[in-house]
Amino acid sequence: MRVGYGYDVHRLQEGRRLVLGGVEIPHTQGLLGHSDADVLLHAICDALLGAVALGDIGQHFPDSDSQYQDINSLLLLKEVAGILQRTGWRVINVDSTVVAQEPRLAPHIKQMRQNIARFLAIETEKVSVKATTTEGLGFEGSQQGISAHAVVLIEQA
């Protein structure tokens, strides 16, 4: 078995869609990035890649490559799941936390969990997505950006 940890952060910006866990969430701002800037899925991808010591999401899907411009990060998660499968690993579970002052994420967490589970080919019960605020502190609290943390457990297939 191996454990992986991932972290990602993106700046909030007017005129962008807010996508977290593959769910478009109504909000006045979205996350800025080369892809859809889904910090939750990016943190999970980094955790999975880290668990198998295969670098990070930027190495596999560089922002200098136009094929990843505005790409749906669920497709990146699916590709990372394929990398794990090809190297002989399978996901046991995912535990993640999104840090955002706004918007309220609780109504969207069930769909996020289902999306992540579907693209990793595991049961929804093996995926945890939590949301928290920073009580107004830091860049998340001042609504400059959103961050996400993820921990994964994998085992040899």
N, C-alpha and C. Protein backbone atom coordinates (compact mmCIF):
# COMPACT_ATOMS: atom_id res chain seq x y z
N MET A 1 0.84 -1.18 0.00
CA MET A 1 0.00 0.00 0.00
C MET A 1 0.88 1.24 0.00
N ARG A 2 0.32 2.31 -0.56
CA ARG A 2 1.01 3.60 -0.56
C ARG A 2 -0.01 4.71 -0.30
N VAL A 3 0.49 5.80 0.27
CA VAL A 3 -0.31 6.99 0.54
C VAL A 3 0.21 8.12 -0.34
N GLY A 4 -0.70 8.94 -0.84
CA GLY A 4 -0.31 10.12 -1.60
C GLY A 4 -1.05 11.33 -1.08
N TYR A 5 -0.40 12.48 -1.16
CA TYR A 5 -0.98 13.74 -0.72
C TYR A 5 -0.93 14.74 -1.87
N GLY A 6 -2.01 15.48 -2.05
CA GLY A 6 -2.04 16.51 -3.09
C GLY A 6 -2.62 17.81 -2.57
N TYR A 7 -2.16 18.90 -3.15
CA TYR A 7 -2.63 20.23 -2.79
C TYR A 7 -2.67 21.07 -4.06
N ASP A 8 -3.71 21.88 -4.19
CA ASP A 8 -3.77 22.79 -5.32
C ASP A 8 -4.50 24.05 -4.90
N VAL A 9 -4.20 25.13 -5.59
CA VAL A 9 -4.84 26.42 -5.34
C VAL A 9 -4.97 27.15 -6.67
N HIS A 10 -6.08 27.85 -6.83
CA HIS A 10 -6.28 28.71 -7.99
C HIS A 10 -6.93 30.00 -7.53
N ARG A 11 -6.60 31.05 -8.25
CA ARG A 11 -7.14 32.38 -7.99
C ARG A 11 -8.57 32.49 -8.52
N LEU A 12 -9.42 33.19 -7.78
CA LEU A 12 -10.78 33.49 -8.25
C LEU A 12 -10.75 34.69 -9.18
N GLN A 13 -11.59 34.64 -10.22
CA GLN A 13 -11.63 35.73 -11.19
C GLN A 13 -13.03 35.87 -11.79
N GLU A 14 -13.44 37.09 -12.02
CA GLU A 14 -14.71 37.35 -12.70
C GLU A 14 -14.66 36.76 -14.11
N GLY A 15 -15.81 36.32 -14.60
CA GLY A 15 -15.90 35.86 -15.98
C GLY A 15 -15.49 34.41 -16.19
N ARG A 16 -15.17 33.70 -15.13
CA ARG A 16 -14.80 32.29 -15.24
C ARG A 16 -15.89 31.44 -14.57
N ARG A 17 -16.04 30.20 -15.03
CA ARG A 17 -16.95 29.25 -14.39
C ARG A 17 -16.27 28.68 -13.16
N LEU A 18 -17.05 28.39 -12.13
CA LEU A 18 -16.52 27.73 -10.94
C LEU A 18 -16.87 26.25 -11.05
N VAL A 19 -15.83 25.43 -11.20
CA VAL A 19 -15.99 23.98 -11.32
C VAL A 19 -15.19 23.32 -10.21
N LEU A 20 -15.88 22.52 -9.40
CA LEU A 20 -15.23 21.77 -8.32
C LEU A 20 -15.74 20.34 -8.33
N GLY A 21 -14.84 19.40 -8.35
CA GLY A 21 -15.24 17.99 -8.39
C GLY A 21 -16.06 17.65 -9.62
N GLY A 22 -15.82 18.39 -10.71
CA GLY A 22 -16.56 18.15 -11.95
C GLY A 22 -17.96 18.72 -11.95
N VAL A 23 -18.30 19.53 -10.94
CA VAL A 23 -19.63 20.12 -10.83
C VAL A 23 -19.50 21.63 -11.06
N GLU A 24 -20.29 22.17 -11.99
CA GLU A 24 -20.32 23.61 -12.17
C GLU A 24 -21.22 24.20 -11.10
N ILE A 25 -20.66 25.13 -10.32
CA ILE A 25 -21.34 25.70 -9.17
C ILE A 25 -21.63 27.17 -9.45
N PRO A 26 -22.88 27.57 -9.33
CA PRO A 26 -23.22 28.98 -9.56
C PRO A 26 -22.47 29.89 -8.56
N HIS A 27 -21.76 30.87 -9.10
CA HIS A 27 -21.02 31.81 -8.26
C HIS A 27 -20.65 33.02 -9.11
N THR A 28 -20.35 34.12 -8.46
CA THR A 28 -20.01 35.35 -9.18
C THR A 28 -18.62 35.29 -9.79
N GLN A 29 -17.77 34.38 -9.33
CA GLN A 29 -16.42 34.23 -9.85
C GLN A 29 -16.12 32.76 -10.08
N GLY A 30 -15.13 32.52 -10.93
CA GLY A 30 -14.65 31.16 -11.15
C GLY A 30 -13.16 31.12 -10.93
N LEU A 31 -12.60 29.94 -11.10
CA LEU A 31 -11.17 29.77 -10.86
C LEU A 31 -10.37 29.95 -12.14
N LEU A 32 -9.27 30.67 -12.03
CA LEU A 32 -8.40 30.98 -13.15
C LEU A 32 -7.39 29.87 -13.33
N GLY A 33 -7.28 29.37 -14.56
CA GLY A 33 -6.29 28.34 -14.85
C GLY A 33 -6.32 27.97 -16.31
N HIS A 34 -5.34 27.19 -16.72
CA HIS A 34 -5.23 26.76 -18.11
C HIS A 34 -6.36 25.80 -18.47
N SER A 35 -6.68 24.91 -17.55
CA SER A 35 -7.78 23.96 -17.74
C SER A 35 -9.04 24.61 -17.17
N ASP A 36 -9.98 23.80 -16.71
CA ASP A 36 -11.15 24.36 -16.02
C ASP A 36 -10.81 24.79 -14.59
N ALA A 37 -9.56 24.57 -14.17
CA ALA A 37 -9.03 25.01 -12.88
C ALA A 37 -9.74 24.37 -11.68
N ASP A 38 -10.15 23.13 -11.83
CA ASP A 38 -10.85 22.40 -10.76
C ASP A 38 -9.83 21.99 -9.70
N VAL A 39 -9.68 22.83 -8.66
CA VAL A 39 -8.66 22.59 -7.64
C VAL A 39 -8.84 21.25 -6.93
N LEU A 40 -10.08 20.83 -6.75
CA LEU A 40 -10.33 19.56 -6.07
C LEU A 40 -9.77 18.39 -6.88
N LEU A 41 -10.13 18.33 -8.15
CA LEU A 41 -9.64 17.22 -8.97
C LEU A 41 -8.13 17.30 -9.17
N HIS A 42 -7.58 18.50 -9.25
CA HIS A 42 -6.13 18.65 -9.40
C HIS A 42 -5.40 18.13 -8.16
N ALA A 43 -5.93 18.42 -6.98
CA ALA A 43 -5.31 17.92 -5.75
C ALA A 43 -5.38 16.40 -5.70
N ILE A 44 -6.50 15.83 -6.12
CA ILE A 44 -6.63 14.36 -6.14
C ILE A 44 -5.68 13.75 -7.15
N CYS A 45 -5.58 14.35 -8.33
CA CYS A 45 -4.62 13.85 -9.33
C CYS A 45 -3.20 13.87 -8.78
N ASP A 46 -2.82 14.98 -8.14
CA ASP A 46 -1.47 15.06 -7.57
C ASP A 46 -1.25 14.02 -6.48
N ALA A 47 -2.26 13.77 -5.66
CA ALA A 47 -2.13 12.75 -4.62
C ALA A 47 -1.92 11.37 -5.23
N LEU A 48 -2.69 11.06 -6.26
CA LEU A 48 -2.55 9.75 -6.92
C LEU A 48 -1.20 9.61 -7.60
N LEU A 49 -0.77 10.63 -8.31
CA LEU A 49 0.53 10.57 -8.99
C LEU A 49 1.66 10.50 -7.96
N GLY A 50 1.51 11.24 -6.87
CA GLY A 50 2.53 11.20 -5.82
C GLY A 50 2.63 9.84 -5.17
N ALA A 51 1.50 9.18 -5.00
CA ALA A 51 1.50 7.85 -4.37
C ALA A 51 2.30 6.84 -5.17
N VAL A 52 2.34 7.00 -6.48
CA VAL A 52 3.10 6.08 -7.32
C VAL A 52 4.43 6.69 -7.78
N ALA A 53 4.78 7.83 -7.18
CA ALA A 53 6.05 8.52 -7.45
C ALA A 53 6.23 8.83 -8.93
N LEU A 54 5.16 9.33 -9.55
CA LEU A 54 5.21 9.67 -10.97
C LEU A 54 4.99 11.16 -11.20
N GLY A 55 5.51 11.97 -10.31
CA GLY A 55 5.47 13.40 -10.51
C GLY A 55 4.15 14.03 -10.12
N ASP A 56 3.77 15.06 -10.87
CA ASP A 56 2.55 15.80 -10.55
C ASP A 56 1.77 16.11 -11.81
N ILE A 57 0.63 16.73 -11.62
CA ILE A 57 -0.28 17.01 -12.72
C ILE A 57 0.37 17.91 -13.78
N GLY A 58 1.21 18.85 -13.34
CA GLY A 58 1.88 19.75 -14.28
C GLY A 58 2.85 19.05 -15.20
N GLN A 59 3.45 17.97 -14.74
CA GLN A 59 4.36 17.19 -15.59
C GLN A 59 3.60 16.40 -16.65
N HIS A 60 2.45 15.89 -16.29
CA HIS A 60 1.68 15.05 -17.21
C HIS A 60 0.78 15.87 -18.14
N PHE A 61 0.30 17.02 -17.66
CA PHE A 61 -0.63 17.85 -18.42
C PHE A 61 -0.17 19.31 -18.33
N PRO A 62 0.95 19.66 -18.96
CA PRO A 62 1.53 21.00 -18.79
C PRO A 62 0.64 22.11 -19.34
N ASP A 63 0.67 23.25 -18.65
CA ASP A 63 -0.13 24.38 -19.11
C ASP A 63 0.44 25.04 -20.36
N SER A 64 1.59 24.57 -20.79
CA SER A 64 2.18 25.05 -22.05
C SER A 64 1.63 24.28 -23.26
N ASP A 65 0.85 23.24 -23.01
CA ASP A 65 0.29 22.40 -24.08
C ASP A 65 -1.16 22.82 -24.34
N SER A 66 -1.42 23.30 -25.55
CA SER A 66 -2.74 23.84 -25.89
C SER A 66 -3.85 22.79 -25.85
N GLN A 67 -3.52 21.50 -25.92
CA GLN A 67 -4.58 20.49 -25.86
C GLN A 67 -5.28 20.45 -24.51
N TYR A 68 -4.66 21.04 -23.49
CA TYR A 68 -5.28 21.05 -22.17
C TYR A 68 -5.99 22.37 -21.85
N GLN A 69 -6.01 23.31 -22.81
CA GLN A 69 -6.69 24.58 -22.61
C GLN A 69 -8.17 24.34 -22.35
N ASP A 70 -8.66 24.79 -21.20
CA ASP A 70 -10.07 24.68 -20.79
C ASP A 70 -10.58 23.24 -20.72
N ILE A 71 -9.69 22.26 -20.62
CA ILE A 71 -10.11 20.85 -20.56
C ILE A 71 -10.88 20.58 -19.27
N ASN A 72 -11.83 19.69 -19.36
CA ASN A 72 -12.57 19.23 -18.20
C ASN A 72 -11.63 18.37 -17.36
N SER A 73 -11.41 18.75 -16.12
CA SER A 73 -10.46 18.04 -15.27
C SER A 73 -10.89 16.61 -14.94
N LEU A 74 -12.15 16.28 -15.14
CA LEU A 74 -12.56 14.87 -14.99
C LEU A 74 -11.81 14.00 -16.00
N LEU A 75 -11.51 14.55 -17.17
CA LEU A 75 -10.75 13.80 -18.17
C LEU A 75 -9.30 13.61 -17.71
N LEU A 76 -8.76 14.59 -17.01
CA LEU A 76 -7.41 14.44 -16.46
C LEU A 76 -7.42 13.37 -15.37
N LEU A 77 -8.44 13.37 -14.52
CA LEU A 77 -8.56 12.35 -13.48
C LEU A 77 -8.67 10.97 -14.10
N LYS A 78 -9.43 10.86 -15.17
CA LYS A 78 -9.56 9.57 -15.85
C LYS A 78 -8.20 9.10 -16.40
N GLU A 79 -7.44 10.02 -16.95
CA GLU A 79 -6.11 9.67 -17.47
C GLU A 79 -5.18 9.24 -16.33
N VAL A 80 -5.24 9.94 -15.20
CA VAL A 80 -4.41 9.56 -14.05
C VAL A 80 -4.82 8.17 -13.55
N ALA A 81 -6.12 7.90 -13.52
CA ALA A 81 -6.59 6.56 -13.12
C ALA A 81 -6.03 5.51 -14.07
N GLY A 82 -5.96 5.83 -15.36
CA GLY A 82 -5.37 4.91 -16.33
C GLY A 82 -3.89 4.69 -16.09
N ILE A 83 -3.18 5.73 -15.71
CA ILE A 83 -1.75 5.60 -15.38
C ILE A 83 -1.58 4.64 -14.21
N LEU A 84 -2.39 4.81 -13.18
CA LEU A 84 -2.31 3.91 -12.03
C LEU A 84 -2.58 2.47 -12.46
N GLN A 85 -3.62 2.28 -13.23
CA GLN A 85 -3.98 0.93 -13.67
C GLN A 85 -2.86 0.30 -14.50
N ARG A 86 -2.29 1.07 -15.41
CA ARG A 86 -1.21 0.55 -16.27
C ARG A 86 0.05 0.21 -15.48
N THR A 87 0.25 0.88 -14.34
CA THR A 87 1.43 0.61 -13.52
C THR A 87 1.15 -0.37 -12.39
N GLY A 88 -0.06 -0.94 -12.39
CA GLY A 88 -0.37 -2.02 -11.46
C GLY A 88 -0.91 -1.59 -10.10
N TRP A 89 -1.57 -0.44 -10.03
CA TRP A 89 -2.10 0.06 -8.77
C TRP A 89 -3.59 0.30 -8.87
N ARG A 90 -4.29 0.22 -7.73
CA ARG A 90 -5.71 0.57 -7.69
C ARG A 90 -5.97 1.42 -6.45
N VAL A 91 -6.99 2.25 -6.56
CA VAL A 91 -7.33 3.19 -5.50
C VAL A 91 -8.18 2.48 -4.45
N ILE A 92 -7.79 2.64 -3.20
CA ILE A 92 -8.59 2.14 -2.09
C ILE A 92 -9.57 3.21 -1.63
N ASN A 93 -9.05 4.43 -1.37
CA ASN A 93 -9.96 5.51 -0.99
C ASN A 93 -9.33 6.87 -1.23
N VAL A 94 -10.20 7.88 -1.23
CA VAL A 94 -9.82 9.28 -1.42
C VAL A 94 -10.46 10.08 -0.30
N ASP A 95 -9.69 10.93 0.36
CA ASP A 95 -10.21 11.86 1.36
C ASP A 95 -9.74 13.25 0.95
N SER A 96 -10.68 14.18 0.81
CA SER A 96 -10.32 15.50 0.31
C SER A 96 -11.08 16.60 1.03
N THR A 97 -10.49 17.80 0.98
CA THR A 97 -11.10 18.98 1.59
C THR A 97 -10.92 20.16 0.66
N VAL A 98 -12.03 20.87 0.40
CA VAL A 98 -11.99 22.13 -0.35
C VAL A 98 -12.06 23.26 0.67
N VAL A 99 -11.18 24.26 0.51
CA VAL A 99 -11.15 25.40 1.41
C VAL A 99 -11.62 26.63 0.63
N ALA A 100 -12.82 27.11 0.96
CA ALA A 100 -13.41 28.26 0.26
C ALA A 100 -14.34 29.01 1.21
N GLN A 101 -14.24 30.32 1.22
CA GLN A 101 -15.13 31.11 2.05
C GLN A 101 -16.55 31.09 1.48
N GLU A 102 -16.64 31.20 0.17
CA GLU A 102 -17.91 31.14 -0.56
C GLU A 102 -17.63 30.46 -1.89
N PRO A 103 -18.60 29.88 -2.53
CA PRO A 103 -19.99 29.71 -2.14
C PRO A 103 -20.15 28.51 -1.21
N ARG A 104 -21.33 28.30 -0.75
CA ARG A 104 -21.65 27.14 0.08
C ARG A 104 -21.58 25.89 -0.80
N LEU A 105 -20.78 24.92 -0.41
CA LEU A 105 -20.53 23.73 -1.23
C LEU A 105 -21.33 22.51 -0.84
N ALA A 106 -21.87 22.49 0.36
CA ALA A 106 -22.57 21.31 0.86
C ALA A 106 -23.61 20.74 -0.12
N PRO A 107 -24.41 21.58 -0.79
CA PRO A 107 -25.41 21.01 -1.71
C PRO A 107 -24.81 20.28 -2.91
N HIS A 108 -23.52 20.45 -3.17
CA HIS A 108 -22.89 19.89 -4.37
C HIS A 108 -21.98 18.70 -4.08
N ILE A 109 -21.75 18.43 -2.80
CA ILE A 109 -20.76 17.41 -2.44
C ILE A 109 -21.15 16.01 -2.90
N LYS A 110 -22.40 15.66 -2.81
CA LYS A 110 -22.82 14.32 -3.26
C LYS A 110 -22.46 14.09 -4.72
N GLN A 111 -22.73 15.08 -5.58
CA GLN A 111 -22.41 14.93 -7.01
C GLN A 111 -20.90 14.89 -7.23
N MET A 112 -20.15 15.68 -6.47
CA MET A 112 -18.69 15.66 -6.58
C MET A 112 -18.17 14.26 -6.27
N ARG A 113 -18.65 13.68 -5.18
CA ARG A 113 -18.22 12.34 -4.78
C ARG A 113 -18.55 11.32 -5.87
N GLN A 114 -19.74 11.42 -6.42
CA GLN A 114 -20.15 10.48 -7.47
C GLN A 114 -19.28 10.64 -8.71
N ASN A 115 -18.97 11.88 -9.09
CA ASN A 115 -18.11 12.11 -10.25
C ASN A 115 -16.73 11.50 -10.04
N ILE A 116 -16.14 11.78 -8.90
CA ILE A 116 -14.79 11.28 -8.61
C ILE A 116 -14.79 9.75 -8.60
N ALA A 117 -15.75 9.16 -7.93
CA ALA A 117 -15.84 7.69 -7.87
C ALA A 117 -15.99 7.09 -9.26
N ARG A 118 -16.85 7.68 -10.08
CA ARG A 118 -17.08 7.15 -11.43
C ARG A 118 -15.79 7.18 -12.27
N PHE A 119 -15.06 8.29 -12.21
CA PHE A 119 -13.86 8.41 -13.04
C PHE A 119 -12.68 7.64 -12.49
N LEU A 120 -12.73 7.27 -11.20
CA LEU A 120 -11.69 6.40 -10.63
C LEU A 120 -12.11 4.94 -10.62
N ALA A 121 -13.34 4.67 -11.04
CA ALA A 121 -13.88 3.31 -11.08
C ALA A 121 -13.87 2.66 -9.70
N ILE A 122 -14.30 3.44 -8.69
CA ILE A 122 -14.45 2.91 -7.33
C ILE A 122 -15.85 3.30 -6.83
N GLU A 123 -16.22 2.73 -5.69
CA GLU A 123 -17.52 3.02 -5.11
C GLU A 123 -17.53 4.42 -4.50
N THR A 124 -18.66 5.07 -4.57
CA THR A 124 -18.82 6.41 -4.00
C THR A 124 -18.47 6.42 -2.52
N GLU A 125 -18.76 5.33 -1.82
CA GLU A 125 -18.48 5.25 -0.38
C GLU A 125 -16.98 5.32 -0.08
N LYS A 126 -16.14 5.18 -1.09
CA LYS A 126 -14.69 5.26 -0.90
C LYS A 126 -14.14 6.65 -1.17
N VAL A 127 -15.04 7.60 -1.44
CA VAL A 127 -14.63 8.98 -1.74
C VAL A 127 -15.24 9.93 -0.72
N SER A 128 -14.39 10.68 -0.06
CA SER A 128 -14.83 11.70 0.88
C SER A 128 -14.47 13.07 0.33
N VAL A 129 -15.45 13.96 0.30
CA VAL A 129 -15.22 15.36 -0.05
C VAL A 129 -15.81 16.19 1.08
N LYS A 130 -14.97 17.02 1.66
CA LYS A 130 -15.41 17.91 2.73
C LYS A 130 -15.17 19.35 2.27
N ALA A 131 -15.88 20.28 2.89
CA ALA A 131 -15.69 21.70 2.59
C ALA A 131 -15.56 22.45 3.90
N THR A 132 -14.68 23.44 3.90
CA THR A 132 -14.51 24.27 5.08
C THR A 132 -14.19 25.69 4.66
N THR A 133 -14.39 26.62 5.58
CA THR A 133 -13.98 28.01 5.37
C THR A 133 -12.75 28.26 6.23
N THR A 134 -12.22 29.46 6.12
CA THR A 134 -11.10 29.84 6.98
C THR A 134 -11.50 30.95 7.94
N GLU A 135 -12.82 31.08 8.16
CA GLU A 135 -13.33 32.10 9.07
C GLU A 135 -12.85 33.49 8.66
N GLY A 136 -12.73 33.71 7.35
CA GLY A 136 -12.32 35.02 6.84
C GLY A 136 -10.83 35.26 6.80
N LEU A 137 -10.03 34.28 7.18
CA LEU A 137 -8.57 34.46 7.22
C LEU A 137 -7.93 33.98 5.92
N GLY A 138 -6.79 34.55 5.59
CA GLY A 138 -6.00 34.10 4.44
C GLY A 138 -6.64 34.42 3.10
N PHE A 139 -5.98 33.93 2.02
CA PHE A 139 -6.48 34.24 0.67
C PHE A 139 -7.83 33.60 0.40
N GLU A 140 -8.08 32.42 0.99
CA GLU A 140 -9.41 31.81 0.82
C GLU A 140 -10.46 32.65 1.54
N GLY A 141 -10.15 33.08 2.74
CA GLY A 141 -11.09 33.86 3.54
C GLY A 141 -11.42 35.21 2.93
N SER A 142 -10.45 35.81 2.26
CA SER A 142 -10.69 37.09 1.59
C SER A 142 -11.22 36.90 0.18
N GLN A 143 -11.52 35.66 -0.18
CA GLN A 143 -12.10 35.28 -1.46
C GLN A 143 -11.23 35.66 -2.66
N GLN A 144 -9.92 35.52 -2.47
CA GLN A 144 -8.99 35.71 -3.57
C GLN A 144 -8.78 34.41 -4.33
N GLY A 145 -9.03 33.28 -3.67
CA GLY A 145 -8.81 31.98 -4.29
C GLY A 145 -9.44 30.87 -3.49
N ILE A 146 -9.33 29.67 -4.04
CA ILE A 146 -9.84 28.45 -3.40
C ILE A 146 -8.72 27.42 -3.45
N SER A 147 -8.58 26.65 -2.38
CA SER A 147 -7.58 25.59 -2.35
C SER A 147 -8.25 24.25 -2.05
N ALA A 148 -7.50 23.19 -2.29
CA ALA A 148 -7.99 21.84 -1.97
C ALA A 148 -6.83 20.97 -1.55
N HIS A 149 -7.11 20.07 -0.63
CA HIS A 149 -6.15 19.08 -0.14
C HIS A 149 -6.75 17.69 -0.40
N ALA A 150 -5.89 16.73 -0.69
CA ALA A 150 -6.38 15.36 -0.89
C ALA A 150 -5.34 14.36 -0.39
N VAL A 151 -5.84 13.29 0.20
CA VAL A 151 -5.02 12.16 0.61
C VAL A 151 -5.65 10.91 -0.02
N VAL A 152 -4.81 10.06 -0.59
CA VAL A 152 -5.30 8.82 -1.19
C VAL A 152 -4.52 7.64 -0.64
N LEU A 153 -5.20 6.51 -0.63
CA LEU A 153 -4.56 5.24 -0.29
C LEU A 153 -4.72 4.35 -1.51
N ILE A 154 -3.61 3.76 -1.96
CA ILE A 154 -3.64 2.86 -3.11
C ILE A 154 -2.98 1.54 -2.73
N GLU A 155 -3.26 0.52 -3.52
CA GLU A 155 -2.61 -0.77 -3.30
C GLU A 155 -2.27 -1.39 -4.64
N GLN A 156 -1.34 -2.32 -4.62
CA GLN A 156 -1.00 -3.02 -5.86
C GLN A 156 -2.18 -3.87 -6.28
N ALA A 157 -2.45 -3.82 -7.56
CA ALA A 157 -3.61 -4.57 -8.10
C ALA A 157 -3.31 -6.06 -8.18
